[in-house]
Amino acid sequence: MALAGAATPANAADVTLTPPTHLFNGNRHCATDAEQPSYQGAREGLLVEGVPGVTDTTGSPRVSVRYQVWPVADPSKNTTVTRDYASPGYEAPATLPASALADGQSYAWQAQTVAGAAVSDWSTPCYVTIDNSKPANAPSITSSNYESEAWNEGGEPVEFTLGANGADDIEGFEFSWQQTLPVIGTSIGDYGIPQPVDPYADTEHFKRANTLGGSTTLSLVPPAGSGLMTLWVRSLDRAYNGSGIARYDFRVKSTGPTISPAVPEPEFGQPTEFTLRPDPGLQAKSPVVSYSVKTLGGQDDRTFDVTARPDGTATVELALDGLYSENLQVSSRSANGWVSDTAWWGTSFDTTPGVSSVTYPENGSGGGIDVPGTFTFTPRVKDVVSYTYTFNNGDPEVTVPAGADHTASIDWSPATDGWHDLTVYATTRSGLELAPYDYFFTVN
């Protein structure tokens, strides 16, 4: 970008110029009403832009856009900058210098298209008021139903009141359950045209004050869980300058559901019904409508939802198949959007096979070199159809079928004395390989 006079195009005579369109300042729409200016920060100058107006062209004309700014109170004190080498049909940005824009003062600016000695009319003026100052005070935060720094019964939205805290230029508030608040930005569309969006349209993080320098109320469901909760808030003036950040800390008691299996110790792989019951206090405030259930440690872990009955309870049937253990994580969701903290239930399984030998007892000594011994494998879970074993973790694996009683036996003669290890695992009819077992013994 050059801030200088416009270059003279060879075909300037073939160009018809009109005032620039799509005018923006600070990536926000031009305000053409002097009584309702756009408020802008300009510590490093103010970005202005417009699309040069060029019609009836021959070839590729080279044009510029000239911007002029002046104090509304004194139009004689104008400053001009030019964006050279602008492309017809595209935004031509330039920066009005910070030295020409005093904090707290109102200005008008306009633009014209330039091609050599040819110039268009000036555009309609745009009005801005410069605001380089952050709000003087962080906002005030109070809650009517969740006491600060105390343990509160959960189950209903938190009612907050946010106040300007003496800052008279507050337009609204930005808030989040995360300490890092969202950044207000503007995407750029085709031809470099900004796509400004009113940040207050994002009701999840922004809300306008009821009047300039006033307050507003929020009704928010906190993040799922229990314990310490913090809402982070800052005030925003009309230029979107942010105040210091205030926080509101409060604590929420557990509202997690209970998880009850139909039998105290479910069998491995066997369907078991689980009953889910809501926290009574939670149910009284707003009925539980569903549960989120997550399995951990099984062969096919998943997360799914279960619809609750009118009394808030629900049932779910699960076949737990974790080789060592399996856990359930369950949270409830109430009609008012409240999500409880997560309740845990877990059980452990021993899916290793039993291994026994008279000749070579476990953790003992017996037999001898070339002395055969019989090893018997027995199941600890149902539906075992085979066993796979190896000696000393170096021999090839061997698989033997289980008998009608789901047991199997093998004969083995050691070639060496000393310490030995027999590793065995069982396989079920469905093809599931169960947990391995290491059987240690010593050959005399």
Protein backbone atom coordinates (compact mmCIF):
# COMPACT_ATOMS: atom_id res chain seq x y z
CA MET A 1 0.00 0.00 0.00
CA ALA A 2 1.24 3.45 -0.89
CA LEU A 3 -0.01 6.63 0.70
CA ALA A 4 0.76 8.97 -2.19
CA GLY A 5 -0.67 10.41 -5.39
CA ALA A 6 -2.39 8.17 -7.92
CA ALA A 7 -0.55 6.84 -10.95
CA THR A 8 -1.82 7.82 -14.39
CA PRO A 9 -3.26 4.89 -16.37
CA ALA A 10 -2.78 4.78 -20.10
CA ASN A 11 -6.47 4.30 -20.75
CA ALA A 12 -7.90 6.74 -18.20
CA ALA A 13 -10.07 8.33 -20.87
CA ASP A 14 -11.98 5.07 -21.30
CA VAL A 15 -12.88 4.86 -17.61
CA THR A 16 -16.15 5.98 -16.04
CA LEU A 17 -15.70 6.48 -12.30
CA THR A 18 -18.28 6.30 -9.52
CA PRO A 19 -17.85 6.68 -5.75
CA PRO A 20 -16.50 3.61 -3.95
CA THR A 21 -19.04 1.21 -2.48
CA HIS A 22 -18.93 -1.42 0.29
CA LEU A 23 -17.46 1.05 2.78
CA PHE A 24 -16.11 -0.32 6.06
CA ASN A 25 -14.09 1.03 8.98
CA GLY A 26 -12.34 -1.31 11.36
CA ASN A 27 -14.08 -4.18 9.53
CA ARG A 28 -17.43 -2.80 10.64
CA HIS A 29 -20.12 -1.24 8.48
CA CYS A 30 -19.92 2.45 7.63
CA ALA A 31 -22.35 4.49 9.76
CA THR A 32 -23.96 7.19 7.62
CA ASP A 33 -25.98 8.75 10.46
CA ALA A 34 -23.96 11.38 12.31
CA GLU A 35 -26.16 10.82 15.38
CA GLN A 36 -25.32 7.11 15.45
CA PRO A 37 -21.62 6.82 14.63
CA SER A 38 -19.56 3.64 14.68
CA TYR A 39 -17.32 3.48 17.74
CA GLN A 40 -13.78 2.43 16.89
CA GLY A 41 -10.43 1.99 18.56
CA ALA A 42 -7.62 3.66 16.61
CA ARG A 43 -4.46 3.36 18.69
CA GLU A 44 -2.59 2.29 15.57
CA GLY A 45 -4.76 4.15 13.10
CA LEU A 46 -8.12 3.22 11.60
CA LEU A 47 -8.48 0.78 8.71
CA VAL A 48 -10.91 2.10 6.10
CA GLU A 49 -11.80 0.48 2.82
CA GLY A 50 -14.12 0.60 -0.15
CA VAL A 51 -14.51 -1.01 -3.57
CA PRO A 52 -13.53 1.48 -6.30
CA GLY A 53 -16.35 2.41 -8.67
CA VAL A 54 -15.26 1.69 -12.24
CA THR A 55 -17.65 1.13 -15.18
CA ASP A 56 -17.45 1.09 -18.98
CA THR A 57 -13.80 0.07 -19.00
CA THR A 58 -11.51 -1.00 -21.79
CA GLY A 59 -8.58 -3.22 -20.86
CA SER A 60 -7.48 -3.31 -17.23
CA PRO A 61 -7.59 0.22 -15.81
CA ARG A 62 -5.31 1.06 -12.90
CA VAL A 63 -7.19 3.01 -10.27
CA SER A 64 -6.73 4.34 -6.77
CA VAL A 65 -9.04 5.09 -3.89
CA ARG A 66 -8.63 8.36 -1.98
CA TYR A 67 -9.83 8.63 1.63
CA GLN A 68 -10.36 11.88 3.47
CA VAL A 69 -11.11 12.26 7.19
CA TRP A 70 -11.95 15.33 9.29
CA PRO A 71 -13.20 16.17 12.78
CA VAL A 72 -16.97 16.65 12.77
CA ALA A 73 -16.42 19.76 14.88
CA ASP A 74 -13.91 21.26 12.40
CA PRO A 75 -14.18 20.07 8.77
CA SER A 76 -11.28 22.29 7.72
CA LYS A 77 -8.78 20.02 9.42
CA ASN A 78 -8.88 17.16 6.95
CA THR A 79 -6.34 14.43 6.32
CA THR A 80 -6.09 12.49 3.06
CA VAL A 81 -4.55 9.10 2.29
CA THR A 82 -4.64 7.16 -0.98
CA ARG A 83 -4.57 3.47 -1.78
CA ASP A 84 -2.73 3.16 -5.08
CA TYR A 85 -2.88 0.21 -7.45
CA ALA A 86 -6.36 -0.81 -6.39
CA SER A 87 -8.12 -3.59 -8.25
CA PRO A 88 -11.57 -2.79 -9.64
CA GLY A 89 -14.18 -4.93 -7.90
CA TYR A 90 -12.02 -5.54 -4.80
CA GLU A 91 -11.75 -3.76 -1.47
CA ALA A 92 -8.95 -1.18 -1.39
CA PRO A 93 -7.87 -0.77 2.27
CA ALA A 94 -5.89 2.12 3.69
CA THR A 95 -5.11 3.28 7.21
CA LEU A 96 -6.12 6.66 8.55
CA PRO A 97 -3.19 7.69 10.78
CA ALA A 98 -3.59 7.58 14.55
CA SER A 99 -2.12 11.10 14.72
CA ALA A 100 -5.23 12.42 12.97
CA LEU A 101 -7.68 10.66 15.29
CA ALA A 102 -7.99 11.88 18.88
CA ASP A 103 -9.49 9.68 21.57
CA GLY A 104 -13.05 10.66 22.38
CA GLN A 105 -13.54 12.78 19.25
CA SER A 106 -16.03 12.21 16.40
CA TYR A 107 -14.90 12.15 12.76
CA ALA A 108 -16.35 11.85 9.30
CA TRP A 109 -14.59 10.18 6.39
CA GLN A 110 -15.41 9.65 2.75
CA ALA A 111 -13.85 8.02 -0.31
CA GLN A 112 -13.53 8.66 -4.03
CA THR A 113 -12.28 6.67 -6.99
CA VAL A 114 -9.26 8.08 -8.82
CA ALA A 115 -7.80 7.23 -12.25
CA GLY A 116 -5.10 9.68 -13.23
CA ALA A 117 -6.70 13.10 -13.56
CA ALA A 118 -10.18 11.58 -13.47
CA VAL A 119 -11.96 11.42 -10.12
CA SER A 120 -15.40 10.31 -9.02
CA ASP A 121 -17.71 12.16 -6.69
CA TRP A 122 -17.08 11.62 -2.98
CA SER A 123 -19.02 8.87 -1.26
CA THR A 124 -21.58 9.61 1.43
CA PRO A 125 -19.65 10.37 4.65
CA CYS A 126 -19.17 7.70 7.27
CA TYR A 127 -19.13 8.73 10.94
CA VAL A 128 -16.93 7.30 13.68
CA THR A 129 -16.19 8.17 17.28
CA ILE A 130 -12.74 7.19 18.48
CA ASP A 131 -12.62 5.19 21.71
CA ASN A 132 -9.16 3.97 22.67
CA SER A 133 -9.95 3.56 26.37
CA LYS A 134 -10.94 0.33 28.06
CA PRO A 135 -13.86 0.45 30.51
CA ALA A 136 -12.67 1.81 33.82
CA ASN A 137 -13.97 -1.05 35.99
CA ALA A 138 -14.48 -4.77 35.74
CA PRO A 139 -18.16 -5.73 35.90
CA SER A 140 -20.05 -6.67 39.04
CA ILE A 141 -21.52 -10.20 39.26
CA THR A 142 -24.19 -11.41 41.67
CA SER A 143 -26.44 -14.45 41.80
CA SER A 144 -29.85 -14.72 43.43
CA ASN A 145 -29.86 -18.52 43.81
CA TYR A 146 -26.24 -19.75 43.97
CA GLU A 147 -24.27 -18.32 46.85
CA SER A 148 -20.68 -17.34 46.12
CA GLU A 149 -17.94 -19.38 47.80
CA ALA A 150 -20.54 -21.81 49.22
CA TRP A 151 -21.88 -25.30 48.48
CA ASN A 152 -25.19 -25.10 46.63
CA GLU A 153 -27.82 -27.66 45.70
CA GLY A 154 -27.66 -28.12 41.94
CA GLY A 155 -30.41 -28.88 39.48
CA GLU A 156 -31.53 -25.48 38.22
CA PRO A 157 -29.97 -22.73 36.08
CA VAL A 158 -27.86 -20.10 37.82
CA GLU A 159 -29.47 -16.65 37.80
CA PHE A 160 -26.79 -13.97 37.37
CA THR A 161 -26.97 -10.19 37.32
CA LEU A 162 -24.09 -8.43 35.54
CA GLY A 163 -23.53 -4.73 36.21
CA ALA A 164 -21.37 -2.02 34.64
CA ASN A 165 -19.92 -1.25 38.09
CA GLY A 166 -19.81 2.50 37.51
CA ALA A 167 -18.52 2.47 33.92
CA ASP A 168 -21.00 4.63 32.02
CA ASP A 169 -20.10 3.55 28.47
CA ILE A 170 -20.80 -0.19 28.78
CA GLU A 171 -22.81 -1.59 25.87
CA GLY A 172 -22.80 -5.22 26.95
CA PHE A 173 -21.01 -8.15 28.51
CA GLU A 174 -18.97 -11.15 27.41
CA PHE A 175 -19.03 -14.28 29.57
CA SER A 176 -17.86 -17.87 29.60
CA TRP A 177 -17.34 -20.85 31.88
CA GLN A 178 -13.78 -20.87 30.48
CA GLN A 179 -11.19 -18.31 31.60
CA THR A 180 -10.19 -17.62 27.99
CA LEU A 181 -13.03 -15.54 26.57
CA PRO A 182 -13.94 -15.67 22.86
CA VAL A 183 -12.25 -13.21 20.51
CA ILE A 184 -14.46 -10.87 18.51
CA GLY A 185 -13.41 -11.23 14.89
CA THR A 186 -14.67 -10.62 11.37
CA SER A 187 -14.32 -13.02 8.50
CA ILE A 188 -13.41 -11.71 5.06
CA GLY A 189 -15.56 -12.79 2.13
CA ASP A 190 -15.22 -12.69 -1.63
CA TYR A 191 -13.45 -9.68 -3.13
CA GLY A 192 -12.01 -8.85 0.29
CA ILE A 193 -15.39 -7.65 1.59
CA PRO A 194 -15.66 -7.96 5.40
CA GLN A 195 -18.55 -10.00 6.83
CA PRO A 196 -19.19 -8.31 10.18
CA VAL A 197 -21.51 -10.07 12.63
CA ASP A 198 -23.09 -8.55 15.71
CA PRO A 199 -21.28 -10.33 18.59
CA TYR A 200 -24.44 -10.09 20.68
CA ALA A 201 -26.07 -12.51 18.25
CA ASP A 202 -23.96 -15.15 20.02
CA THR A 203 -26.20 -15.53 23.06
CA GLU A 204 -23.96 -18.25 24.46
CA HIS A 205 -21.21 -15.72 25.24
CA PHE A 206 -22.58 -12.16 24.80
CA LYS A 207 -25.50 -10.10 26.04
CA ARG A 208 -26.31 -6.40 25.75
CA ALA A 209 -26.90 -4.25 28.77
CA ASN A 210 -30.45 -3.03 29.27
CA THR A 211 -29.16 0.51 28.69
CA LEU A 212 -25.78 2.10 28.07
CA GLY A 213 -23.86 1.73 31.30
CA GLY A 214 -26.59 -0.51 32.68
CA SER A 215 -26.90 -4.17 33.67
CA THR A 216 -28.32 -7.43 32.37
CA THR A 217 -29.44 -10.81 33.69
CA LEU A 218 -28.39 -14.31 32.66
CA SER A 219 -29.89 -17.73 33.30
CA LEU A 220 -27.12 -20.28 32.71
CA VAL A 221 -26.78 -24.01 33.22
CA PRO A 222 -23.21 -24.61 34.46
CA PRO A 223 -20.94 -27.25 32.96
CA ALA A 224 -21.68 -30.86 33.81
CA GLY A 225 -20.28 -32.08 37.08
CA SER A 226 -20.01 -30.94 40.66
CA GLY A 227 -17.54 -28.96 42.74
CA LEU A 228 -16.12 -25.52 41.99
CA MET A 229 -17.72 -23.58 39.14
CA THR A 230 -16.49 -20.22 37.84
CA LEU A 231 -18.16 -17.76 35.50
CA TRP A 232 -15.75 -15.30 33.84
CA VAL A 233 -17.14 -11.94 32.68
CA ARG A 234 -15.88 -8.71 31.15
CA SER A 235 -17.67 -5.55 30.08
CA LEU A 236 -17.55 -4.25 26.51
CA ASP A 237 -17.93 -0.65 25.41
CA ARG A 238 -19.30 0.38 22.01
CA ALA A 239 -15.88 -0.05 20.38
CA TYR A 240 -15.67 -3.58 21.86
CA ASN A 241 -12.88 -2.54 24.19
CA GLY A 242 -12.91 -5.07 27.01
CA SER A 243 -12.71 -4.31 30.71
CA GLY A 244 -10.75 -6.29 33.24
CA ILE A 245 -12.18 -9.76 33.80
CA ALA A 246 -14.31 -10.48 36.86
CA ARG A 247 -15.13 -13.96 38.17
CA TYR A 248 -17.91 -15.52 40.21
CA ASP A 249 -17.00 -18.69 42.13
CA PHE A 250 -19.52 -21.07 43.62
CA ARG A 251 -19.72 -24.76 44.44
CA VAL A 252 -22.30 -27.34 43.38
CA LYS A 253 -23.06 -30.50 45.33
CA SER A 254 -23.13 -33.83 43.51
CA THR A 255 -26.29 -34.60 41.56
CA GLY A 256 -25.07 -37.86 40.02
CA PRO A 257 -27.47 -40.78 39.52
CA THR A 258 -27.20 -44.23 41.15
CA ILE A 259 -26.39 -47.38 39.16
CA SER A 260 -27.80 -50.69 40.41
CA PRO A 261 -27.19 -54.07 38.70
CA ALA A 262 -29.89 -56.72 38.98
CA VAL A 263 -27.35 -59.04 40.63
CA PRO A 264 -24.52 -57.99 42.95
CA GLU A 265 -21.77 -59.52 40.78
CA PRO A 266 -22.71 -59.81 37.09
CA GLU A 267 -21.21 -62.77 35.23
CA PHE A 268 -18.73 -62.20 32.46
CA GLY A 269 -20.45 -61.89 29.08
CA GLN A 270 -23.93 -62.54 30.47
CA PRO A 271 -26.71 -59.96 29.88
CA THR A 272 -27.42 -58.02 33.07
CA GLU A 273 -30.05 -55.39 33.66
CA PHE A 274 -28.95 -52.12 35.29
CA THR A 275 -31.37 -49.64 36.86
CA LEU A 276 -30.50 -45.95 36.72
CA ARG A 277 -32.08 -43.66 39.34
CA PRO A 278 -31.89 -39.86 39.50
CA ASP A 279 -30.69 -37.83 42.43
CA PRO A 280 -33.92 -37.13 44.40
CA GLY A 281 -33.22 -33.40 44.79
CA LEU A 282 -32.42 -33.08 41.11
CA GLN A 283 -35.60 -34.91 40.10
CA ALA A 284 -37.67 -32.61 42.33
CA LYS A 285 -36.35 -29.46 40.63
CA SER A 286 -36.64 -30.65 37.04
CA PRO A 287 -37.43 -34.22 35.91
CA VAL A 288 -34.60 -36.29 34.49
CA VAL A 289 -35.41 -37.09 30.87
CA SER A 290 -32.39 -39.16 29.79
CA TYR A 291 -29.09 -40.70 30.76
CA SER A 292 -25.76 -40.83 28.97
CA VAL A 293 -24.11 -44.23 29.49
CA LYS A 294 -20.48 -44.97 28.67
CA THR A 295 -18.78 -48.37 28.97
CA LEU A 296 -15.05 -48.62 29.65
CA GLY A 297 -12.82 -51.69 29.53
CA GLY A 298 -15.03 -53.92 27.40
CA GLN A 299 -14.44 -55.36 23.95
CA ASP A 300 -16.54 -52.71 22.22
CA ASP A 301 -16.71 -49.61 24.40
CA ARG A 302 -19.45 -47.18 23.45
CA THR A 303 -21.46 -44.18 24.61
CA PHE A 304 -25.22 -44.10 24.19
CA ASP A 305 -28.32 -42.39 25.57
CA VAL A 306 -31.19 -44.01 27.44
CA THR A 307 -34.60 -42.36 27.76
CA ALA A 308 -35.92 -42.03 31.31
CA ARG A 309 -39.42 -42.92 32.47
CA PRO A 310 -41.69 -40.22 33.92
CA ASP A 311 -40.33 -41.00 37.41
CA GLY A 312 -36.78 -40.35 36.16
CA THR A 313 -35.62 -43.99 36.26
CA ALA A 314 -34.37 -46.05 33.33
CA THR A 315 -33.11 -49.58 32.70
CA VAL A 316 -30.45 -50.83 30.36
CA GLU A 317 -29.26 -54.36 29.63
CA LEU A 318 -25.54 -54.89 29.15
CA ALA A 319 -23.31 -57.92 28.64
CA LEU A 320 -20.01 -56.93 30.25
CA ASP A 321 -16.98 -58.52 28.60
CA GLY A 322 -13.86 -56.74 29.84
CA LEU A 323 -11.06 -59.30 30.14
CA TYR A 324 -10.00 -57.88 33.51
CA SER A 325 -12.69 -55.38 34.49
CA GLU A 326 -15.35 -53.08 33.10
CA ASN A 327 -16.78 -49.77 34.29
CA LEU A 328 -19.89 -47.77 33.59
CA GLN A 329 -20.03 -43.97 33.60
CA VAL A 330 -23.52 -42.49 33.79
CA SER A 331 -24.77 -38.89 33.88
CA SER A 332 -28.35 -37.63 33.79
CA ARG A 333 -29.91 -34.81 31.80
CA SER A 334 -32.89 -32.91 33.19
CA ALA A 335 -35.72 -31.25 31.28
CA ASN A 336 -34.22 -27.82 32.04
CA GLY A 337 -30.88 -28.78 30.45
CA TRP A 338 -29.02 -29.59 33.67
CA VAL A 339 -26.38 -32.32 33.20
CA SER A 340 -25.36 -34.09 36.38
CA ASP A 341 -21.89 -35.12 37.36
CA THR A 342 -20.86 -38.64 36.37
CA ALA A 343 -21.59 -41.67 38.53
CA TRP A 344 -19.25 -44.68 38.32
CA TRP A 345 -19.92 -48.38 38.71
CA GLY A 346 -17.36 -51.10 38.11
CA THR A 347 -16.65 -54.78 38.46
CA SER A 348 -13.62 -57.01 37.92
CA PHE A 349 -13.41 -60.34 36.10
CA ASP A 350 -10.92 -63.19 36.18
CA THR A 351 -11.07 -64.66 32.69
CA THR A 352 -7.75 -66.52 32.97
CA PRO A 353 -7.94 -70.30 32.82
CA GLY A 354 -7.22 -72.48 35.82
CA VAL A 355 -4.04 -74.56 35.39
CA SER A 356 -3.04 -77.55 37.53
CA SER A 357 -0.51 -80.39 37.44
CA VAL A 358 0.24 -83.14 39.96
CA THR A 359 3.75 -83.78 38.63
CA TYR A 360 4.71 -80.13 38.28
CA PRO A 361 2.86 -78.13 40.96
CA GLU A 362 2.51 -74.36 40.57
CA ASN A 363 5.32 -72.39 42.22
CA GLY A 364 6.81 -75.70 43.32
CA SER A 365 9.20 -78.35 41.99
CA GLY A 366 8.80 -81.88 40.75
CA GLY A 367 9.39 -84.36 37.97
CA GLY A 368 12.64 -84.20 36.08
CA ILE A 369 14.18 -84.12 32.61
CA ASP A 370 12.05 -86.21 30.21
CA VAL A 371 9.57 -86.96 33.00
CA PRO A 372 6.09 -86.45 31.48
CA GLY A 373 3.55 -84.36 33.32
CA THR A 374 -0.14 -83.70 32.69
CA PHE A 375 -1.43 -80.13 32.78
CA THR A 376 -5.18 -79.56 33.07
CA PHE A 377 -6.89 -76.37 31.92
CA THR A 378 -10.25 -75.36 33.42
CA PRO A 379 -12.48 -72.37 32.52
CA ARG A 380 -13.49 -69.53 34.80
CA VAL A 381 -16.08 -68.20 32.36
CA LYS A 382 -18.76 -69.87 30.28
CA ASP A 383 -18.59 -71.13 26.69
CA VAL A 384 -14.85 -71.84 26.41
CA VAL A 385 -14.12 -74.01 23.34
CA SER A 386 -10.32 -74.14 23.23
CA TYR A 387 -7.05 -73.32 24.99
CA THR A 388 -3.84 -71.98 23.51
CA TYR A 389 -0.55 -72.51 25.32
CA THR A 390 3.19 -72.08 25.02
CA PHE A 391 6.08 -73.03 27.27
CA ASN A 392 8.74 -70.51 28.25
CA ASN A 393 7.37 -67.86 25.85
CA GLY A 394 9.63 -69.19 23.12
CA ASP A 395 8.00 -72.36 21.90
CA PRO A 396 5.34 -72.15 19.17
CA GLU A 397 1.80 -71.69 20.40
CA VAL A 398 -0.40 -74.77 20.39
CA THR A 399 -4.21 -74.76 20.49
CA VAL A 400 -6.19 -77.70 21.89
CA PRO A 401 -9.98 -78.08 21.87
CA ALA A 402 -11.96 -78.14 25.08
CA GLY A 403 -14.09 -81.10 25.93
CA ALA A 404 -17.79 -81.21 26.67
CA ASP A 405 -17.05 -79.98 30.19
CA HIS A 406 -15.01 -77.10 28.68
CA THR A 407 -11.73 -78.43 30.14
CA ALA A 408 -8.65 -79.73 28.37
CA SER A 409 -5.46 -81.60 29.33
CA ILE A 410 -2.03 -81.83 27.73
CA ASP A 411 1.04 -83.98 28.40
CA TRP A 412 4.51 -82.43 28.33
CA SER A 413 8.02 -83.64 29.07
CA PRO A 414 10.74 -81.09 29.93
CA ALA A 415 14.04 -81.20 28.08
CA THR A 416 15.85 -79.18 30.75
CA ASP A 417 15.67 -78.78 34.47
CA GLY A 418 15.23 -75.57 36.37
CA TRP A 419 12.61 -72.83 36.17
CA HIS A 420 9.80 -73.00 33.53
CA ASP A 421 6.76 -70.90 32.55
CA LEU A 422 3.55 -72.15 30.95
CA THR A 423 1.35 -69.42 29.44
CA VAL A 424 -2.28 -70.32 28.63
CA TYR A 425 -5.36 -68.45 27.44
CA ALA A 426 -8.87 -69.65 26.59
CA THR A 427 -11.05 -68.79 23.58
CA THR A 428 -14.84 -68.63 23.66
CA ARG A 429 -17.32 -69.88 21.05
CA SER A 430 -17.66 -66.29 19.77
CA GLY A 431 -13.92 -66.16 19.08
CA LEU A 432 -13.02 -63.93 22.03
CA GLU A 433 -9.50 -64.59 23.35
CA LEU A 434 -9.54 -64.31 27.13
CA ALA A 435 -6.83 -63.13 29.52
CA PRO A 436 -3.63 -65.24 29.67
CA TYR A 437 -2.36 -67.00 32.78
CA ASP A 438 1.29 -67.71 33.62
CA TYR A 439 1.95 -70.95 35.48
CA PHE A 440 5.44 -71.10 37.02
CA PHE A 441 7.16 -74.29 38.20
CA THR A 442 10.62 -75.87 38.59
CA VAL A 443 11.83 -79.12 37.04
CA ASN A 444 14.05 -81.19 39.32
